[in-house]
Every structure is written in C-alpha cells, then in structure tokens.
N, C-alpha and C. Protein backbone atom coordinates (compact mmCIF):
# COMPACT_ATOMS: atom_id res chain seq x y z
N MET A 1 -44.35 -22.34 25.53
CA MET A 1 -43.58 -23.53 25.28
C MET A 1 -42.11 -23.21 25.48
N THR A 2 -41.42 -24.00 26.23
CA THR A 2 -40.00 -23.77 26.49
C THR A 2 -39.16 -24.64 25.58
N THR A 3 -38.00 -24.13 25.27
CA THR A 3 -37.06 -24.86 24.42
C THR A 3 -36.25 -25.79 25.30
N PRO A 4 -36.12 -27.04 24.88
CA PRO A 4 -35.32 -27.96 25.67
C PRO A 4 -33.91 -27.41 25.85
N ARG A 5 -33.35 -27.70 26.99
CA ARG A 5 -32.03 -27.19 27.36
C ARG A 5 -30.96 -27.55 26.33
N ARG A 6 -31.03 -28.75 25.81
CA ARG A 6 -30.03 -29.21 24.83
C ARG A 6 -30.11 -28.37 23.55
N ALA A 7 -31.30 -28.04 23.08
CA ALA A 7 -31.46 -27.23 21.87
C ALA A 7 -30.92 -25.82 22.09
N ARG A 8 -31.20 -25.24 23.28
CA ARG A 8 -30.67 -23.90 23.57
C ARG A 8 -29.15 -23.93 23.60
N GLY A 9 -28.57 -24.96 24.18
CA GLY A 9 -27.11 -25.09 24.23
C GLY A 9 -26.51 -25.22 22.84
N SER A 10 -27.19 -25.95 21.97
CA SER A 10 -26.71 -26.12 20.59
C SER A 10 -26.74 -24.80 19.84
N ARG A 11 -27.82 -24.04 20.03
CA ARG A 11 -27.92 -22.73 19.37
C ARG A 11 -26.83 -21.79 19.87
N LEU A 12 -26.61 -21.81 21.17
CA LEU A 12 -25.57 -20.96 21.74
C LEU A 12 -24.20 -21.35 21.20
N ALA A 13 -23.94 -22.64 21.11
CA ALA A 13 -22.66 -23.11 20.58
C ALA A 13 -22.49 -22.69 19.13
N LEU A 14 -23.55 -22.81 18.31
CA LEU A 14 -23.47 -22.40 16.91
C LEU A 14 -23.26 -20.89 16.79
N ALA A 15 -23.95 -20.13 17.61
CA ALA A 15 -23.78 -18.68 17.57
C ALA A 15 -22.35 -18.30 17.96
N THR A 16 -21.80 -18.97 18.96
CA THR A 16 -20.44 -18.69 19.40
C THR A 16 -19.45 -19.05 18.30
N LEU A 17 -19.63 -20.20 17.67
CA LEU A 17 -18.74 -20.60 16.58
C LEU A 17 -18.83 -19.62 15.41
N GLY A 18 -20.03 -19.18 15.10
CA GLY A 18 -20.21 -18.20 14.02
C GLY A 18 -19.49 -16.91 14.32
N HIS A 19 -19.60 -16.45 15.56
CA HIS A 19 -18.93 -15.22 15.96
C HIS A 19 -17.41 -15.38 15.88
N LEU A 20 -16.90 -16.50 16.36
CA LEU A 20 -15.46 -16.73 16.32
C LEU A 20 -14.96 -16.83 14.89
N ALA A 21 -15.73 -17.47 14.04
CA ALA A 21 -15.32 -17.60 12.63
C ALA A 21 -15.28 -16.22 11.98
N ALA A 22 -16.25 -15.37 12.27
CA ALA A 22 -16.27 -14.02 11.69
C ALA A 22 -15.07 -13.21 12.17
N CYS A 23 -14.68 -13.39 13.42
CA CYS A 23 -13.54 -12.65 13.95
C CYS A 23 -12.23 -13.13 13.34
N ALA A 24 -12.19 -14.38 12.91
CA ALA A 24 -10.97 -14.96 12.37
C ALA A 24 -10.76 -14.60 10.91
N LEU A 25 -11.79 -14.07 10.25
CA LEU A 25 -11.66 -13.72 8.84
C LEU A 25 -10.69 -12.55 8.70
N PRO A 26 -9.92 -12.56 7.62
CA PRO A 26 -9.02 -11.42 7.42
C PRO A 26 -9.83 -10.17 7.15
N PRO A 27 -9.28 -9.01 7.46
CA PRO A 27 -10.01 -7.78 7.19
C PRO A 27 -10.23 -7.61 5.69
N ALA A 28 -11.23 -6.85 5.34
CA ALA A 28 -11.51 -6.59 3.93
C ALA A 28 -10.31 -5.88 3.31
N PRO A 29 -10.01 -6.19 2.05
CA PRO A 29 -8.89 -5.52 1.41
C PRO A 29 -9.13 -4.01 1.37
N PRO A 30 -8.06 -3.22 1.43
CA PRO A 30 -8.22 -1.77 1.40
C PRO A 30 -8.81 -1.33 0.06
N THR A 31 -9.55 -0.25 0.09
CA THR A 31 -10.15 0.25 -1.14
C THR A 31 -9.50 1.55 -1.60
N THR A 32 -8.57 2.07 -0.83
CA THR A 32 -7.91 3.32 -1.19
C THR A 32 -6.54 3.42 -0.51
N LEU A 33 -5.68 4.20 -1.10
CA LEU A 33 -4.38 4.50 -0.48
C LEU A 33 -4.39 5.88 0.14
N GLN A 34 -5.53 6.54 0.11
CA GLN A 34 -5.59 7.91 0.61
C GLN A 34 -5.15 7.96 2.06
N PRO A 35 -4.22 8.87 2.36
CA PRO A 35 -3.77 9.03 3.74
C PRO A 35 -4.82 9.77 4.55
N VAL A 36 -4.54 9.98 5.78
CA VAL A 36 -5.46 10.69 6.66
C VAL A 36 -5.77 12.08 6.12
N GLU A 37 -6.86 12.63 6.54
CA GLU A 37 -7.34 13.91 6.02
C GLU A 37 -6.34 15.05 6.24
N ARG A 38 -5.50 14.96 7.25
CA ARG A 38 -4.57 16.07 7.50
C ARG A 38 -3.36 16.06 6.55
N ALA A 39 -3.33 15.15 5.63
CA ALA A 39 -2.23 15.09 4.67
C ALA A 39 -2.27 16.32 3.77
N PRO A 40 -1.10 16.82 3.38
CA PRO A 40 -1.07 17.95 2.44
C PRO A 40 -1.80 17.58 1.14
N ALA A 41 -2.34 18.59 0.48
CA ALA A 41 -3.10 18.37 -0.76
C ALA A 41 -2.27 17.65 -1.82
N ASP A 42 -0.97 18.01 -1.92
CA ASP A 42 -0.13 17.36 -2.94
C ASP A 42 0.05 15.87 -2.64
N VAL A 43 0.07 15.50 -1.37
CA VAL A 43 0.19 14.09 -1.01
C VAL A 43 -1.11 13.35 -1.34
N ARG A 44 -2.24 13.98 -1.10
CA ARG A 44 -3.52 13.34 -1.46
C ARG A 44 -3.60 13.12 -2.97
N ARG A 45 -3.15 14.11 -3.74
CA ARG A 45 -3.13 13.94 -5.21
C ARG A 45 -2.14 12.84 -5.60
N ALA A 46 -0.99 12.80 -4.91
CA ALA A 46 0.01 11.77 -5.20
C ALA A 46 -0.57 10.38 -4.93
N CYS A 47 -1.35 10.25 -3.87
CA CYS A 47 -1.94 8.95 -3.54
C CYS A 47 -3.00 8.54 -4.57
N ALA A 48 -3.71 9.51 -5.11
CA ALA A 48 -4.68 9.18 -6.18
C ALA A 48 -3.93 8.64 -7.40
N MET A 49 -2.80 9.27 -7.75
CA MET A 49 -2.00 8.77 -8.87
C MET A 49 -1.44 7.38 -8.55
N THR A 50 -0.98 7.21 -7.32
CA THR A 50 -0.41 5.92 -6.91
C THR A 50 -1.44 4.81 -7.09
N GLU A 51 -2.66 5.07 -6.68
CA GLU A 51 -3.72 4.06 -6.86
C GLU A 51 -3.89 3.70 -8.32
N ARG A 52 -3.91 4.70 -9.20
CA ARG A 52 -4.10 4.43 -10.63
C ARG A 52 -2.92 3.67 -11.23
N LYS A 53 -1.72 4.13 -10.92
CA LYS A 53 -0.53 3.57 -11.56
C LYS A 53 -0.14 2.20 -10.99
N CYS A 54 -0.10 2.09 -9.68
CA CYS A 54 0.44 0.88 -9.06
C CYS A 54 -0.53 -0.30 -9.13
N THR A 55 -1.82 -0.01 -9.19
CA THR A 55 -2.77 -1.13 -9.24
C THR A 55 -2.88 -1.74 -10.63
N ARG A 56 -2.09 -1.26 -11.55
CA ARG A 56 -2.01 -1.93 -12.84
C ARG A 56 -1.35 -3.31 -12.66
N CYS A 57 -0.46 -3.40 -11.67
CA CYS A 57 0.27 -4.64 -11.43
C CYS A 57 0.05 -5.23 -10.03
N HIS A 58 -0.33 -4.40 -9.06
CA HIS A 58 -0.44 -4.84 -7.67
C HIS A 58 -1.82 -4.55 -7.10
N THR A 59 -2.19 -5.32 -6.08
CA THR A 59 -3.39 -4.98 -5.32
C THR A 59 -3.01 -3.90 -4.31
N LEU A 60 -4.00 -3.14 -3.86
CA LEU A 60 -3.73 -2.14 -2.83
C LEU A 60 -3.20 -2.80 -1.57
N ASP A 61 -3.71 -3.98 -1.26
CA ASP A 61 -3.26 -4.69 -0.07
C ASP A 61 -1.76 -4.98 -0.14
N ARG A 62 -1.30 -5.41 -1.30
CA ARG A 62 0.13 -5.72 -1.44
C ARG A 62 0.99 -4.47 -1.23
N ILE A 63 0.51 -3.36 -1.72
CA ILE A 63 1.24 -2.11 -1.55
C ILE A 63 1.28 -1.72 -0.07
N GLN A 64 0.13 -1.86 0.60
CA GLN A 64 0.04 -1.42 1.99
C GLN A 64 0.82 -2.30 2.95
N VAL A 65 1.04 -3.56 2.62
CA VAL A 65 1.75 -4.43 3.56
C VAL A 65 3.23 -4.61 3.19
N ALA A 66 3.70 -3.83 2.23
CA ALA A 66 5.12 -3.92 1.85
C ALA A 66 6.00 -3.66 3.07
N GLN A 67 7.04 -4.42 3.19
CA GLN A 67 7.96 -4.31 4.33
C GLN A 67 9.04 -3.27 4.02
N ILE A 68 8.71 -2.03 4.28
CA ILE A 68 9.62 -0.92 4.01
C ILE A 68 10.00 -0.31 5.35
N SER A 69 11.31 -0.23 5.63
CA SER A 69 11.73 0.24 6.95
C SER A 69 12.29 1.66 6.95
N GLN A 70 12.51 2.25 5.76
CA GLN A 70 12.99 3.63 5.71
C GLN A 70 12.51 4.27 4.41
N PRO A 71 12.34 5.57 4.41
CA PRO A 71 11.80 6.26 3.24
C PRO A 71 12.53 5.98 1.93
N ARG A 72 13.87 5.94 1.96
CA ARG A 72 14.62 5.71 0.71
C ARG A 72 14.30 4.37 0.07
N GLN A 73 13.88 3.40 0.89
CA GLN A 73 13.53 2.10 0.32
C GLN A 73 12.35 2.23 -0.65
N TRP A 74 11.39 3.10 -0.32
CA TRP A 74 10.27 3.30 -1.24
C TRP A 74 10.79 3.85 -2.56
N ALA A 75 11.68 4.83 -2.51
CA ALA A 75 12.20 5.42 -3.75
C ALA A 75 12.90 4.36 -4.60
N THR A 76 13.69 3.53 -3.98
CA THR A 76 14.41 2.48 -4.71
C THR A 76 13.44 1.45 -5.29
N THR A 77 12.49 1.04 -4.49
CA THR A 77 11.51 0.04 -4.95
C THR A 77 10.68 0.58 -6.10
N ILE A 78 10.21 1.81 -5.98
CA ILE A 78 9.41 2.42 -7.05
C ILE A 78 10.24 2.57 -8.31
N ASP A 79 11.51 2.96 -8.17
CA ASP A 79 12.37 3.10 -9.34
C ASP A 79 12.52 1.76 -10.06
N GLN A 80 12.66 0.70 -9.31
CA GLN A 80 12.76 -0.63 -9.93
C GLN A 80 11.45 -1.03 -10.60
N MET A 81 10.33 -0.75 -9.96
CA MET A 81 9.03 -1.11 -10.52
C MET A 81 8.74 -0.31 -11.79
N ARG A 82 9.11 0.96 -11.79
CA ARG A 82 8.79 1.79 -12.96
C ARG A 82 9.57 1.34 -14.19
N ARG A 83 10.63 0.59 -14.01
CA ARG A 83 11.42 0.10 -15.13
C ARG A 83 10.84 -1.18 -15.76
N MET A 84 9.80 -1.71 -15.15
CA MET A 84 9.14 -2.86 -15.75
C MET A 84 8.47 -2.41 -17.05
N PRO A 85 8.56 -3.21 -18.10
CA PRO A 85 8.09 -2.76 -19.42
C PRO A 85 6.66 -2.22 -19.45
N ALA A 86 5.74 -2.79 -18.74
CA ALA A 86 4.34 -2.36 -18.83
C ALA A 86 3.92 -1.43 -17.70
N SER A 87 4.86 -0.91 -16.92
CA SER A 87 4.47 -0.13 -15.75
C SER A 87 3.78 1.18 -16.11
N GLY A 88 4.22 1.85 -17.16
CA GLY A 88 3.64 3.13 -17.52
C GLY A 88 3.98 4.23 -16.52
N ILE A 89 5.04 4.03 -15.73
CA ILE A 89 5.42 5.00 -14.69
C ILE A 89 6.70 5.71 -15.13
N SER A 90 6.61 7.02 -15.29
CA SER A 90 7.79 7.82 -15.66
C SER A 90 8.61 8.11 -14.40
N ALA A 91 9.78 8.70 -14.60
CA ALA A 91 10.61 9.08 -13.45
C ALA A 91 9.87 10.11 -12.60
N ALA A 92 9.19 11.06 -13.23
CA ALA A 92 8.43 12.07 -12.49
C ALA A 92 7.28 11.41 -11.72
N ASP A 93 6.59 10.46 -12.37
CA ASP A 93 5.53 9.72 -11.68
C ASP A 93 6.10 9.00 -10.47
N GLY A 94 7.29 8.41 -10.63
CA GLY A 94 7.92 7.67 -9.54
C GLY A 94 8.17 8.55 -8.33
N ARG A 95 8.62 9.78 -8.57
CA ARG A 95 8.84 10.71 -7.46
C ARG A 95 7.53 11.07 -6.77
N THR A 96 6.48 11.24 -7.57
CA THR A 96 5.16 11.56 -7.01
C THR A 96 4.63 10.39 -6.18
N ILE A 97 4.75 9.18 -6.71
CA ILE A 97 4.31 7.98 -6.00
C ILE A 97 5.07 7.83 -4.68
N ALA A 98 6.36 8.11 -4.72
CA ALA A 98 7.17 8.01 -3.50
C ALA A 98 6.64 8.96 -2.43
N ARG A 99 6.22 10.15 -2.80
CA ARG A 99 5.67 11.10 -1.81
C ARG A 99 4.46 10.49 -1.10
N CYS A 100 3.59 9.86 -1.84
CA CYS A 100 2.41 9.23 -1.23
C CYS A 100 2.82 8.14 -0.26
N LEU A 101 3.61 7.20 -0.75
CA LEU A 101 3.92 6.02 0.06
C LEU A 101 4.81 6.36 1.25
N VAL A 102 5.71 7.30 1.08
CA VAL A 102 6.56 7.71 2.20
C VAL A 102 5.71 8.42 3.25
N PHE A 103 4.82 9.30 2.83
CA PHE A 103 3.96 9.99 3.80
C PHE A 103 3.10 8.99 4.56
N ARG A 104 2.54 8.01 3.85
CA ARG A 104 1.69 7.02 4.51
C ARG A 104 2.46 6.23 5.55
N GLY A 105 3.72 5.92 5.27
CA GLY A 105 4.49 5.10 6.19
C GLY A 105 5.29 5.85 7.23
N PHE A 106 5.68 7.09 6.90
CA PHE A 106 6.63 7.80 7.76
C PHE A 106 6.22 9.24 8.09
N GLY A 107 5.11 9.70 7.52
CA GLY A 107 4.63 11.05 7.81
C GLY A 107 5.53 12.13 7.24
N LEU A 108 5.33 13.36 7.74
CA LEU A 108 6.13 14.50 7.25
C LEU A 108 7.62 14.33 7.50
N PRO A 109 8.05 13.76 8.64
CA PRO A 109 9.50 13.55 8.82
C PRO A 109 10.09 12.66 7.71
N GLY A 110 9.35 11.66 7.28
CA GLY A 110 9.81 10.80 6.20
C GLY A 110 9.94 11.55 4.89
N LEU A 111 8.97 12.44 4.61
CA LEU A 111 9.06 13.25 3.39
C LEU A 111 10.28 14.15 3.42
N ARG A 112 10.54 14.76 4.57
CA ARG A 112 11.73 15.63 4.68
C ARG A 112 13.00 14.82 4.44
N GLU A 113 13.05 13.62 5.00
CA GLU A 113 14.23 12.76 4.79
C GLU A 113 14.37 12.39 3.32
N LEU A 114 13.26 12.06 2.68
CA LEU A 114 13.28 11.70 1.27
C LEU A 114 13.79 12.86 0.41
N GLU A 115 13.35 14.06 0.73
CA GLU A 115 13.76 15.24 -0.05
C GLU A 115 15.23 15.57 0.15
N ARG A 116 15.79 15.29 1.32
CA ARG A 116 17.20 15.58 1.59
C ARG A 116 18.14 14.55 0.98
N ALA A 117 17.69 13.32 0.85
CA ALA A 117 18.56 12.23 0.41
C ALA A 117 18.79 12.29 -1.10
N PRO A 118 19.98 11.93 -1.55
CA PRO A 118 20.22 11.87 -3.00
C PRO A 118 19.44 10.71 -3.60
N PRO A 119 19.22 10.74 -4.91
CA PRO A 119 18.51 9.62 -5.56
C PRO A 119 19.30 8.33 -5.37
N PRO A 120 18.64 7.18 -5.45
CA PRO A 120 19.35 5.91 -5.31
C PRO A 120 20.48 5.84 -6.33
N GLU A 121 21.67 5.53 -5.87
CA GLU A 121 22.85 5.53 -6.71
C GLU A 121 22.71 4.58 -7.89
N GLY A 122 22.97 5.13 -9.08
CA GLY A 122 22.97 4.32 -10.28
C GLY A 122 21.61 4.00 -10.84
N LEU A 123 20.54 4.32 -10.13
CA LEU A 123 19.22 3.96 -10.65
C LEU A 123 18.66 5.02 -11.58
N ASP A 124 18.92 6.29 -11.33
CA ASP A 124 18.32 7.33 -12.16
C ASP A 124 18.86 7.34 -13.58
N ASP A 125 20.07 6.82 -13.82
CA ASP A 125 20.62 6.89 -15.17
C ASP A 125 20.47 5.58 -15.94
N LEU A 126 19.79 4.59 -15.39
CA LEU A 126 19.58 3.34 -16.10
C LEU A 126 18.41 3.48 -17.07
N PRO A 127 18.51 2.87 -18.25
CA PRO A 127 17.36 2.85 -19.14
C PRO A 127 16.30 1.90 -18.60
N PRO A 128 15.07 2.01 -19.07
CA PRO A 128 14.03 1.06 -18.64
C PRO A 128 14.46 -0.37 -18.97
N LEU A 129 13.94 -1.33 -18.24
CA LEU A 129 14.31 -2.74 -18.43
C LEU A 129 14.08 -3.21 -19.87
N ALA A 130 13.03 -2.75 -20.49
CA ALA A 130 12.72 -3.19 -21.85
C ALA A 130 13.83 -2.81 -22.82
N ALA A 131 14.56 -1.73 -22.55
CA ALA A 131 15.60 -1.27 -23.45
C ALA A 131 16.96 -1.87 -23.15
N GLN A 132 17.11 -2.58 -22.03
CA GLN A 132 18.40 -3.18 -21.70
C GLN A 132 18.61 -4.44 -22.53
N PRO A 133 19.88 -4.74 -22.89
CA PRO A 133 20.15 -5.96 -23.70
C PRO A 133 19.86 -7.22 -22.93
C-alpha cells in the first residue's frame, strides 16, 4: 500500500519544521565552569570554588556570558560582588575566583597580566557593603 503524495508531503513538512525548531532552541545551560583539561591544577581548583561561591547568586550561564574585555575587569567585578552582604566571598576567595574566570576568558597570558597589575584602586580597602553607612 502506498502513501498518498499529500500525506508524505505533510510528514516531510512536519519533520522539517521539527528539525528547524530544535535547531532554534538555545543551547542547554552550562553545567560547569571547569576550563579545558590543560588548565593548571590550581585553576581547576579555583573553578570548582567559583562554581560553589558564585552560583549562590548567579547561574553558570550568567557568569559565562559576562561581557568582560580585559582581565582586570574580572578582578573589579568580583571585588564588587564579594562585598554584597550574602556573598560569603572573602578577599582571598575573590583572588582565587579571578584566577578561574581570567583563565577561562584570557588563558595564561591573562593570568600573567592579572598578576602584574595592581589591585583595583580603592577597592581593597573598602569595608563590605553591609558595614557601610
């Protein structure tokens, strides 16, 4: 028994629409911040901490799509975030988190730049936001 031409055309059209709809879906949200396997061990550990600390307030997707154009921007952004009352991020944690995010975005050259640059001016000596008047 043969399928009428119109029915075959309808099935083909539905299959094509289904395929196009699947391609148009956004990619699944990331499940980890772990960098590539060739990352130094300390960076992999830093990324594990980053996942724990930063996902208290943000999704991994939000962290990964942040518009950061230079390594120092990560340090400044993290310093501002760690001052939020419920962040639970110390200054030392902030430096560790910066290593992860800078490596992910800029690789080893970015880490070298981050290590050479002075801390963001005026940010290291500010008290946490909760303590400010």
